[in-house]
Amino acid sequence: MEDIKKAILDFAATSKKSKFYFKDLEKAVQEKIPTAKSRDIKKAATDLVNSGDLIYFSTGSTTMYGLKGRGQTEDH
């Protein structure tokens, strides 16, 4: 689980976009860890949101993820 969290944070920090969909997150993690299951990635992302490393960004119809403090987020 820790390696999945690290892959998520690496992707979030190096991504050109400041907000991204779960599918983008899933694809990036599976490139680094091909055996990672979608459910485990979702669980790791939720843990990172709960710990304050990532934040949810709601567009009204979709929920996106963002790295806290990067780009325009709802805490700015």
N, C-alpha and C. Protein backbone atom coordinates (compact mmCIF):
# COMPACT_ATOMS: atom_id res chain seq x y z
N MET A 1 0.82 -1.20 0.00
CA MET A 1 0.00 0.00 0.00
C MET A 1 0.87 1.26 0.00
N GLU A 2 1.97 1.24 0.71
CA GLU A 2 2.85 2.41 0.78
C GLU A 2 3.46 2.73 -0.59
N ASP A 3 3.78 1.68 -1.36
CA ASP A 3 4.34 1.94 -2.68
C ASP A 3 3.30 2.55 -3.62
N ILE A 4 2.05 2.19 -3.45
CA ILE A 4 0.97 2.79 -4.25
C ILE A 4 0.80 4.26 -3.87
N LYS A 5 0.84 4.55 -2.57
CA LYS A 5 0.72 5.94 -2.11
C LYS A 5 1.87 6.78 -2.66
N LYS A 6 3.08 6.21 -2.65
CA LYS A 6 4.24 6.94 -3.16
C LYS A 6 4.08 7.22 -4.66
N ALA A 7 3.59 6.23 -5.39
CA ALA A 7 3.37 6.41 -6.83
C ALA A 7 2.32 7.49 -7.10
N ILE A 8 1.27 7.53 -6.28
CA ILE A 8 0.23 8.56 -6.42
C ILE A 8 0.82 9.94 -6.17
N LEU A 9 1.57 10.08 -5.09
CA LEU A 9 2.16 11.38 -4.75
C LEU A 9 3.19 11.81 -5.80
N ASP A 10 3.97 10.87 -6.32
CA ASP A 10 4.93 11.19 -7.38
C ASP A 10 4.20 11.72 -8.61
N PHE A 11 3.13 11.03 -8.99
CA PHE A 11 2.35 11.46 -10.15
C PHE A 11 1.74 12.84 -9.92
N ALA A 12 1.17 13.04 -8.73
CA ALA A 12 0.52 14.32 -8.42
C ALA A 12 1.52 15.47 -8.44
N ALA A 13 2.73 15.21 -7.99
CA ALA A 13 3.75 16.26 -7.92
C ALA A 13 4.34 16.58 -9.29
N THR A 14 4.40 15.60 -10.17
CA THR A 14 5.06 15.81 -11.47
C THR A 14 4.09 16.02 -12.63
N SER A 15 2.81 15.83 -12.38
CA SER A 15 1.81 15.98 -13.43
C SER A 15 1.75 17.43 -13.92
N LYS A 16 1.48 17.61 -15.21
CA LYS A 16 1.34 18.95 -15.77
C LYS A 16 0.08 19.62 -15.25
N LYS A 17 -0.91 18.81 -14.93
CA LYS A 17 -2.18 19.33 -14.43
C LYS A 17 -2.17 19.35 -12.90
N SER A 18 -2.91 20.28 -12.32
CA SER A 18 -2.96 20.34 -10.85
C SER A 18 -4.13 19.50 -10.31
N LYS A 19 -5.09 19.18 -11.19
CA LYS A 19 -6.22 18.34 -10.79
C LYS A 19 -6.35 17.22 -11.81
N PHE A 20 -6.75 16.05 -11.34
CA PHE A 20 -6.84 14.93 -12.25
C PHE A 20 -7.92 13.96 -11.81
N TYR A 21 -8.42 13.21 -12.79
CA TYR A 21 -9.45 12.21 -12.53
C TYR A 21 -8.83 10.96 -11.94
N PHE A 22 -9.67 10.14 -11.33
CA PHE A 22 -9.19 8.88 -10.78
C PHE A 22 -8.57 8.01 -11.87
N LYS A 23 -9.15 8.02 -13.06
CA LYS A 23 -8.62 7.21 -14.17
C LYS A 23 -7.17 7.60 -14.49
N ASP A 24 -6.85 8.91 -14.44
CA ASP A 24 -5.48 9.35 -14.68
C ASP A 24 -4.55 8.81 -13.61
N LEU A 25 -5.03 8.87 -12.38
CA LEU A 25 -4.27 8.39 -11.23
C LEU A 25 -4.02 6.89 -11.35
N GLU A 26 -5.07 6.17 -11.69
CA GLU A 26 -5.00 4.72 -11.83
C GLU A 26 -3.99 4.32 -12.92
N LYS A 27 -4.06 5.00 -14.07
CA LYS A 27 -3.15 4.70 -15.18
C LYS A 27 -1.69 4.95 -14.77
N ALA A 28 -1.44 6.06 -14.09
CA ALA A 28 -0.08 6.41 -13.68
C ALA A 28 0.49 5.38 -12.69
N VAL A 29 -0.34 4.96 -11.75
CA VAL A 29 0.11 3.98 -10.75
C VAL A 29 0.37 2.64 -11.43
N GLN A 30 -0.51 2.23 -12.33
CA GLN A 30 -0.35 0.93 -12.99
C GLN A 30 0.84 0.90 -13.94
N GLU A 31 1.30 2.06 -14.40
CA GLU A 31 2.52 2.10 -15.20
C GLU A 31 3.73 1.75 -14.34
N LYS A 32 3.72 2.22 -13.08
CA LYS A 32 4.83 1.94 -12.16
C LYS A 32 4.67 0.59 -11.46
N ILE A 33 3.42 0.26 -11.12
CA ILE A 33 3.13 -0.98 -10.39
C ILE A 33 2.03 -1.73 -11.16
N PRO A 34 2.41 -2.52 -12.16
CA PRO A 34 1.42 -3.19 -13.01
C PRO A 34 0.45 -4.10 -12.26
N THR A 35 0.83 -4.58 -11.10
CA THR A 35 -0.04 -5.50 -10.35
C THR A 35 -1.04 -4.77 -9.46
N ALA A 36 -0.96 -3.44 -9.41
CA ALA A 36 -1.87 -2.67 -8.54
C ALA A 36 -3.30 -2.78 -9.05
N LYS A 37 -4.19 -3.10 -8.14
CA LYS A 37 -5.61 -3.23 -8.46
C LYS A 37 -6.31 -1.89 -8.27
N SER A 38 -7.33 -1.65 -9.05
CA SER A 38 -8.09 -0.40 -9.00
C SER A 38 -8.60 -0.12 -7.58
N ARG A 39 -9.07 -1.14 -6.93
CA ARG A 39 -9.61 -1.01 -5.56
C ARG A 39 -8.52 -0.55 -4.58
N ASP A 40 -7.32 -1.11 -4.71
CA ASP A 40 -6.21 -0.72 -3.84
C ASP A 40 -5.77 0.72 -4.10
N ILE A 41 -5.80 1.12 -5.37
CA ILE A 41 -5.42 2.49 -5.73
C ILE A 41 -6.43 3.47 -5.14
N LYS A 42 -7.71 3.13 -5.24
CA LYS A 42 -8.78 3.98 -4.69
C LYS A 42 -8.62 4.09 -3.17
N LYS A 43 -8.31 2.98 -2.53
CA LYS A 43 -8.13 2.97 -1.08
C LYS A 43 -6.93 3.83 -0.67
N ALA A 44 -5.83 3.71 -1.41
CA ALA A 44 -4.64 4.51 -1.13
C ALA A 44 -4.91 5.99 -1.33
N ALA A 45 -5.65 6.33 -2.40
CA ALA A 45 -5.99 7.73 -2.67
C ALA A 45 -6.86 8.29 -1.55
N THR A 46 -7.81 7.50 -1.07
CA THR A 46 -8.68 7.92 0.03
C THR A 46 -7.87 8.13 1.31
N ASP A 47 -6.91 7.25 1.57
CA ASP A 47 -6.03 7.41 2.74
C ASP A 47 -5.24 8.72 2.64
N LEU A 48 -4.76 9.03 1.43
CA LEU A 48 -3.99 10.27 1.23
C LEU A 48 -4.87 11.50 1.40
N VAL A 49 -6.14 11.41 1.01
CA VAL A 49 -7.08 12.52 1.23
C VAL A 49 -7.32 12.68 2.74
N ASN A 50 -7.52 11.56 3.41
CA ASN A 50 -7.77 11.59 4.86
C ASN A 50 -6.57 12.13 5.64
N SER A 51 -5.37 11.86 5.15
CA SER A 51 -4.17 12.33 5.85
C SER A 51 -3.82 13.77 5.47
N GLY A 52 -4.52 14.32 4.46
CA GLY A 52 -4.30 15.71 4.08
C GLY A 52 -3.28 15.93 2.99
N ASP A 53 -2.73 14.85 2.41
CA ASP A 53 -1.75 15.00 1.33
C ASP A 53 -2.43 15.34 0.00
N LEU A 54 -3.58 14.74 -0.24
CA LEU A 54 -4.37 15.03 -1.43
C LEU A 54 -5.67 15.68 -0.99
N ILE A 55 -6.32 16.37 -1.94
CA ILE A 55 -7.64 16.91 -1.65
C ILE A 55 -8.59 16.52 -2.77
N TYR A 56 -9.88 16.48 -2.44
CA TYR A 56 -10.90 16.29 -3.45
C TYR A 56 -11.22 17.65 -4.06
N PHE A 57 -11.51 17.66 -5.33
CA PHE A 57 -11.95 18.88 -5.99
C PHE A 57 -13.20 18.50 -6.75
N SER A 58 -14.33 19.07 -6.36
CA SER A 58 -15.59 18.73 -7.00
C SER A 58 -15.94 19.77 -8.06
N THR A 59 -16.26 19.30 -9.25
CA THR A 59 -16.68 20.20 -10.32
C THR A 59 -18.20 20.28 -10.36
N GLY A 60 -18.85 19.61 -9.46
CA GLY A 60 -20.31 19.56 -9.45
C GLY A 60 -20.79 18.23 -9.99
N SER A 61 -20.26 17.83 -11.13
CA SER A 61 -20.66 16.55 -11.72
C SER A 61 -19.61 15.47 -11.52
N THR A 62 -18.38 15.88 -11.28
CA THR A 62 -17.28 14.92 -11.15
C THR A 62 -16.41 15.30 -9.97
N THR A 63 -15.81 14.30 -9.37
CA THR A 63 -14.84 14.56 -8.31
C THR A 63 -13.46 14.30 -8.86
N MET A 64 -12.57 15.26 -8.66
CA MET A 64 -11.19 15.12 -9.11
C MET A 64 -10.29 15.14 -7.89
N TYR A 65 -9.06 14.75 -8.08
CA TYR A 65 -8.07 14.79 -7.01
C TYR A 65 -7.05 15.87 -7.32
N GLY A 66 -6.46 16.42 -6.27
CA GLY A 66 -5.40 17.39 -6.46
C GLY A 66 -4.41 17.29 -5.30
N LEU A 67 -3.19 17.71 -5.55
CA LEU A 67 -2.18 17.73 -4.51
C LEU A 67 -2.39 18.99 -3.69
N LYS A 68 -2.51 18.85 -2.39
CA LYS A 68 -2.79 19.99 -1.53
C LYS A 68 -1.72 21.06 -1.71
N GLY A 69 -2.17 22.30 -1.95
CA GLY A 69 -1.25 23.41 -2.10
C GLY A 69 -0.73 23.62 -3.50
N ARG A 70 -1.12 22.78 -4.45
CA ARG A 70 -0.63 22.92 -5.83
C ARG A 70 -1.79 23.34 -6.74
N GLY A 71 -1.61 24.41 -7.47
CA GLY A 71 -2.65 24.88 -8.37
C GLY A 71 -3.76 25.59 -7.61
N GLN A 72 -4.83 25.90 -8.29
CA GLN A 72 -5.96 26.55 -7.65
C GLN A 72 -6.86 25.49 -7.04
N THR A 73 -6.93 25.47 -5.74
CA THR A 73 -7.75 24.50 -5.04
C THR A 73 -8.70 25.24 -4.11
N GLU A 74 -9.63 24.52 -3.53
CA GLU A 74 -10.65 25.18 -2.73
C GLU A 74 -10.13 25.74 -1.41
N ASP A 75 -8.91 25.43 -1.02
CA ASP A 75 -8.38 26.01 0.22
C ASP A 75 -7.59 27.29 -0.05
N HIS A 76 -7.64 27.83 -1.27
CA HIS A 76 -6.96 29.09 -1.59
C HIS A 76 -7.94 30.21 -1.69
